[in-house]
Amino acid sequence: MKRYTVLLLLLCMLSACVSLKFSSPKISVVSVGMISADVFSQQFRIRLHVRNPNAVELPIKEIEYQLFLQGDSFAEGVTDQPFVVPALGEAEFDAVVRTNFMSSIGRLLSKLNISDEGKIQYAFVGTVQLNKGLLRKLPFNEQGTVDLAIKK
């Protein structure tokens, strides 16, 4: 009887551990807008959409990321506030980034094709850091297009 009890306890513990393992979320860029700019630095607001493919909520501690626009490195950083994405749900949030490369913005603008109406290719890569679970860091690599909007 003790063997069955121990076996049952081990199976329960294993199933609990499996439920704490997460799949990587899908993170896409919704918009990129300029907040402020001067000769030395620029500040942008990046709106991000997170989709949770897991059957349990995703407790995100932070997202460490790099954003590439039209193949050029545009921004990198770490989100500053933790948040939770509901099970099989979605969430949006803003990340504010500072850049310091006027020449890269010039290269980016020169690559924009008027026929694309301001739509540009992006790659968003990085790591999601979780508050709990067996796997605390989930890598992501998403690509798509986004409208380049200059917003204040």
C-alpha atoms as a PDB file:
ATOM      1  CA  MET A   1       0.000   0.000   0.000  1.00  0.00           C
ATOM      2  CA  LYS A   2       2.901   2.371   0.779  1.00  0.00           C
ATOM      3  CA  ARG A   3       4.333   1.840  -2.729  1.00  0.00           C
ATOM      4  CA  TYR A   4       1.046   2.861  -4.349  1.00  0.00           C
ATOM      5  CA  THR A   5       0.780   5.921  -2.135  1.00  0.00           C
ATOM      6  CA  VAL A   6       4.344   6.992  -2.980  1.00  0.00           C
ATOM      7  CA  LEU A   7       3.727   6.340  -6.682  1.00  0.00           C
ATOM      8  CA  LEU A   8       0.506   8.347  -6.609  1.00  0.00           C
ATOM      9  CA  LEU A   9       2.267  11.201  -4.797  1.00  0.00           C
ATOM     10  CA  LEU A  10       5.075  11.207  -7.380  1.00  0.00           C
ATOM     11  CA  LEU A  11       2.572  11.280 -10.246  1.00  0.00           C
ATOM     12  CA  CYS A  12       0.752  14.213  -8.646  1.00  0.00           C
ATOM     13  CA  MET A  13       4.020  16.101  -8.223  1.00  0.00           C
ATOM     14  CA  LEU A  14       5.011  15.393 -11.824  1.00  0.00           C
ATOM     15  CA  SER A  15       1.674  16.621 -13.169  1.00  0.00           C
ATOM     16  CA  ALA A  16       2.023  19.808 -11.092  1.00  0.00           C
ATOM     17  CA  CYS A  17       5.487  20.415 -12.549  1.00  0.00           C
ATOM     18  CA  VAL A  18       4.246  19.865 -16.097  1.00  0.00           C
ATOM     19  CA  SER A  19       1.494  22.423 -15.567  1.00  0.00           C
ATOM     20  CA  LEU A  20       4.152  25.022 -14.686  1.00  0.00           C
ATOM     21  CA  LYS A  21       5.971  24.607 -18.013  1.00  0.00           C
ATOM     22  CA  PHE A  22       5.014  27.327 -20.498  1.00  0.00           C
ATOM     23  CA  SER A  23       5.136  27.692 -24.266  1.00  0.00           C
ATOM     24  CA  SER A  24       6.587  30.911 -25.701  1.00  0.00           C
ATOM     25  CA  PRO A  25       4.056  33.698 -26.179  1.00  0.00           C
ATOM     26  CA  LYS A  26       3.516  35.281 -29.595  1.00  0.00           C
ATOM     27  CA  ILE A  27       4.586  38.930 -29.460  1.00  0.00           C
ATOM     28  CA  SER A  28       3.881  41.287 -32.330  1.00  0.00           C
ATOM     29  CA  VAL A  29       4.496  44.982 -32.905  1.00  0.00           C
ATOM     30  CA  VAL A  30       1.262  46.946 -33.290  1.00  0.00           C
ATOM     31  CA  SER A  31       2.728  50.412 -33.816  1.00  0.00           C
ATOM     32  CA  VAL A  32       5.862  52.500 -33.482  1.00  0.00           C
ATOM     33  CA  GLY A  33       5.426  56.191 -32.782  1.00  0.00           C
ATOM     34  CA  MET A  34       7.875  58.988 -32.056  1.00  0.00           C
ATOM     35  CA  ILE A  35       7.324  60.753 -28.746  1.00  0.00           C
ATOM     36  CA  SER A  36      10.181  63.255 -28.893  1.00  0.00           C
ATOM     37  CA  ALA A  37      13.383  63.918 -30.769  1.00  0.00           C
ATOM     38  CA  ASP A  38      16.383  66.187 -30.736  1.00  0.00           C
ATOM     39  CA  VAL A  39      19.823  66.081 -32.337  1.00  0.00           C
ATOM     40  CA  PHE A  40      21.220  63.660 -29.745  1.00  0.00           C
ATOM     41  CA  SER A  41      18.379  61.265 -28.925  1.00  0.00           C
ATOM     42  CA  GLN A  42      14.932  60.136 -29.894  1.00  0.00           C
ATOM     43  CA  GLN A  43      12.182  58.609 -27.783  1.00  0.00           C
ATOM     44  CA  PHE A  44       9.661  56.151 -29.262  1.00  0.00           C
ATOM     45  CA  ARG A  45       6.577  54.379 -27.962  1.00  0.00           C
ATOM     46  CA  ILE A  46       6.283  50.804 -29.208  1.00  0.00           C
ATOM     47  CA  ARG A  47       2.857  49.192 -28.797  1.00  0.00           C
ATOM     48  CA  LEU A  48       3.148  45.402 -28.375  1.00  0.00           C
ATOM     49  CA  HIS A  49       0.527  42.660 -28.575  1.00  0.00           C
ATOM     50  CA  VAL A  50       1.102  39.454 -26.557  1.00  0.00           C
ATOM     51  CA  ARG A  51      -0.859  36.246 -27.244  1.00  0.00           C
ATOM     52  CA  ASN A  52      -0.649  33.455 -24.665  1.00  0.00           C
ATOM     53  CA  PRO A  53      -0.903  29.941 -26.212  1.00  0.00           C
ATOM     54  CA  ASN A  54      -0.951  28.291 -22.766  1.00  0.00           C
ATOM     55  CA  ALA A  55      -3.984  26.930 -20.904  1.00  0.00           C
ATOM     56  CA  VAL A  56      -2.778  28.766 -17.785  1.00  0.00           C
ATOM     57  CA  GLU A  57      -2.050  32.447 -17.231  1.00  0.00           C
ATOM     58  CA  LEU A  58       1.412  33.662 -18.192  1.00  0.00           C
ATOM     59  CA  PRO A  59       3.047  35.675 -15.362  1.00  0.00           C
ATOM     60  CA  ILE A  60       5.555  37.874 -17.223  1.00  0.00           C
ATOM     61  CA  LYS A  61       8.229  39.460 -15.055  1.00  0.00           C
ATOM     62  CA  GLU A  62       9.941  41.282 -17.929  1.00  0.00           C
ATOM     63  CA  ILE A  63      10.661  41.108 -21.639  1.00  0.00           C
ATOM     64  CA  GLU A  64      14.201  41.653 -22.863  1.00  0.00           C
ATOM     65  CA  TYR A  65      14.078  42.548 -26.551  1.00  0.00           C
ATOM     66  CA  GLN A  66      15.688  43.843 -29.720  1.00  0.00           C
ATOM     67  CA  LEU A  67      13.644  45.501 -32.446  1.00  0.00           C
ATOM     68  CA  PHE A  68      14.855  45.593 -36.045  1.00  0.00           C
ATOM     69  CA  LEU A  69      13.109  47.773 -38.634  1.00  0.00           C
ATOM     70  CA  GLN A  70      13.821  47.139 -42.317  1.00  0.00           C
ATOM     71  CA  GLY A  71      16.790  44.998 -41.240  1.00  0.00           C
ATOM     72  CA  ASP A  72      18.473  47.739 -39.183  1.00  0.00           C
ATOM     73  CA  SER A  73      18.770  47.561 -35.407  1.00  0.00           C
ATOM     74  CA  PHE A  74      16.292  50.124 -34.116  1.00  0.00           C
ATOM     75  CA  ALA A  75      15.925  49.628 -30.368  1.00  0.00           C
ATOM     76  CA  GLU A  76      16.686  47.270 -27.537  1.00  0.00           C
ATOM     77  CA  GLY A  77      15.628  47.211 -23.952  1.00  0.00           C
ATOM     78  CA  VAL A  78      13.750  45.597 -21.105  1.00  0.00           C
ATOM     79  CA  THR A  79      10.131  46.220 -20.144  1.00  0.00           C
ATOM     80  CA  ASP A  80       9.834  47.944 -16.793  1.00  0.00           C
ATOM     81  CA  GLN A  81       6.642  46.490 -15.305  1.00  0.00           C
ATOM     82  CA  PRO A  82       5.492  42.894 -14.769  1.00  0.00           C
ATOM     83  CA  PHE A  83       2.082  41.856 -16.083  1.00  0.00           C
ATOM     84  CA  VAL A  84      -0.054  38.748 -16.520  1.00  0.00           C
ATOM     85  CA  VAL A  85      -1.539  37.489 -19.792  1.00  0.00           C
ATOM     86  CA  PRO A  86      -4.700  35.416 -19.193  1.00  0.00           C
ATOM     87  CA  ALA A  87      -4.840  31.729 -20.136  1.00  0.00           C
ATOM     88  CA  LEU A  88      -5.286  31.445 -23.919  1.00  0.00           C
ATOM     89  CA  GLY A  89      -5.711  35.224 -23.846  1.00  0.00           C
ATOM     90  CA  GLU A  90      -4.134  38.378 -25.160  1.00  0.00           C
ATOM     91  CA  ALA A  91      -2.796  41.668 -23.824  1.00  0.00           C
ATOM     92  CA  GLU A  92      -1.289  44.865 -25.191  1.00  0.00           C
ATOM     93  CA  PHE A  93       1.178  47.207 -23.569  1.00  0.00           C
ATOM     94  CA  ASP A  94       3.525  50.063 -24.433  1.00  0.00           C
ATOM     95  CA  ALA A  95       7.293  50.085 -24.167  1.00  0.00           C
ATOM     96  CA  VAL A  96       9.113  53.421 -24.320  1.00  0.00           C
ATOM     97  CA  VAL A  97      12.586  53.264 -25.845  1.00  0.00           C
ATOM     98  CA  ARG A  98      15.304  55.801 -26.414  1.00  0.00           C
ATOM     99  CA  THR A  99      17.597  55.714 -29.401  1.00  0.00           C
ATOM    100  CA  ASN A 100      20.711  57.657 -30.171  1.00  0.00           C
ATOM    101  CA  PHE A 101      21.399  57.230 -33.844  1.00  0.00           C
ATOM    102  CA  MET A 102      20.153  59.906 -36.220  1.00  0.00           C
ATOM    103  CA  SER A 103      21.993  58.217 -39.109  1.00  0.00           C
ATOM    104  CA  SER A 104      20.027  54.961 -38.587  1.00  0.00           C
ATOM    105  CA  ILE A 105      16.743  56.858 -38.733  1.00  0.00           C
ATOM    106  CA  GLY A 106      17.945  58.417 -41.989  1.00  0.00           C
ATOM    107  CA  ARG A 107      18.744  54.948 -43.397  1.00  0.00           C
ATOM    108  CA  LEU A 108      15.345  53.695 -42.248  1.00  0.00           C
ATOM    109  CA  LEU A 109      13.477  56.572 -43.885  1.00  0.00           C
ATOM    110  CA  SER A 110      15.463  56.139 -47.115  1.00  0.00           C
ATOM    111  CA  LYS A 111      14.375  52.473 -47.257  1.00  0.00           C
ATOM    112  CA  LEU A 112      10.678  53.296 -46.966  1.00  0.00           C
ATOM    113  CA  ASN A 113       8.917  52.901 -50.281  1.00  0.00           C
ATOM    114  CA  ILE A 114       6.121  55.375 -50.922  1.00  0.00           C
ATOM    115  CA  SER A 115       4.026  52.598 -52.486  1.00  0.00           C
ATOM    116  CA  ASP A 116       4.117  50.710 -49.160  1.00  0.00           C
ATOM    117  CA  GLU A 117       2.289  53.650 -47.529  1.00  0.00           C
ATOM    118  CA  GLY A 118       4.655  53.689 -44.559  1.00  0.00           C
ATOM    119  CA  LYS A 119       4.508  49.956 -43.821  1.00  0.00           C
ATOM    120  CA  ILE A 120       7.847  48.507 -42.807  1.00  0.00           C
ATOM    121  CA  GLN A 121       9.210  45.064 -42.026  1.00  0.00           C
ATOM    122  CA  TYR A 122      10.169  44.312 -38.440  1.00  0.00           C
ATOM    123  CA  ALA A 123      11.849  41.555 -36.486  1.00  0.00           C
ATOM    124  CA  PHE A 124      11.248  41.433 -32.744  1.00  0.00           C
ATOM    125  CA  VAL A 125      13.511  39.017 -30.874  1.00  0.00           C
ATOM    126  CA  GLY A 126      14.322  38.406 -27.252  1.00  0.00           C
ATOM    127  CA  THR A 127      13.456  36.558 -24.085  1.00  0.00           C
ATOM    128  CA  VAL A 128      10.379  36.554 -21.853  1.00  0.00           C
ATOM    129  CA  GLN A 129      11.294  36.211 -18.162  1.00  0.00           C
ATOM    130  CA  LEU A 130       8.563  34.524 -16.087  1.00  0.00           C
ATOM    131  CA  ASN A 131       7.747  34.883 -12.383  1.00  0.00           C
ATOM    132  CA  LYS A 132       7.126  31.131 -12.008  1.00  0.00           C
ATOM    133  CA  GLY A 133       7.367  27.814 -13.823  1.00  0.00           C
ATOM    134  CA  LEU A 134       9.987  25.224 -14.625  1.00  0.00           C
ATOM    135  CA  LEU A 135      11.244  27.172 -17.598  1.00  0.00           C
ATOM    136  CA  ARG A 136      11.777  30.771 -16.478  1.00  0.00           C
ATOM    137  CA  LYS A 137      13.079  32.167 -19.784  1.00  0.00           C
ATOM    138  CA  LEU A 138      11.176  31.749 -23.025  1.00  0.00           C
ATOM    139  CA  PRO A 139      12.838  32.907 -26.256  1.00  0.00           C
ATOM    140  CA  PHE A 140      10.809  34.517 -29.029  1.00  0.00           C
ATOM    141  CA  ASN A 141      11.475  35.628 -32.595  1.00  0.00           C
ATOM    142  CA  GLU A 142       8.594  37.293 -34.406  1.00  0.00           C
ATOM    143  CA  GLN A 143       8.496  39.020 -37.786  1.00  0.00           C
ATOM    144  CA  GLY A 144       5.878  41.053 -39.584  1.00  0.00           C
ATOM    145  CA  THR A 145       4.967  44.487 -40.898  1.00  0.00           C
ATOM    146  CA  VAL A 146       3.942  47.589 -39.007  1.00  0.00           C
ATOM    147  CA  ASP A 147       2.800  51.081 -40.000  1.00  0.00           C
ATOM    148  CA  LEU A 148       5.387  53.694 -39.140  1.00  0.00           C
ATOM    149  CA  ALA A 149       3.375  56.427 -37.436  1.00  0.00           C
ATOM    150  CA  ILE A 150       4.783  59.604 -36.027  1.00  0.00           C
ATOM    151  CA  LYS A 151       2.628  60.239 -32.976  1.00  0.00           C
ATOM    152  CA  LYS A 152       2.877  62.555 -30.057  1.00  0.00           C
END
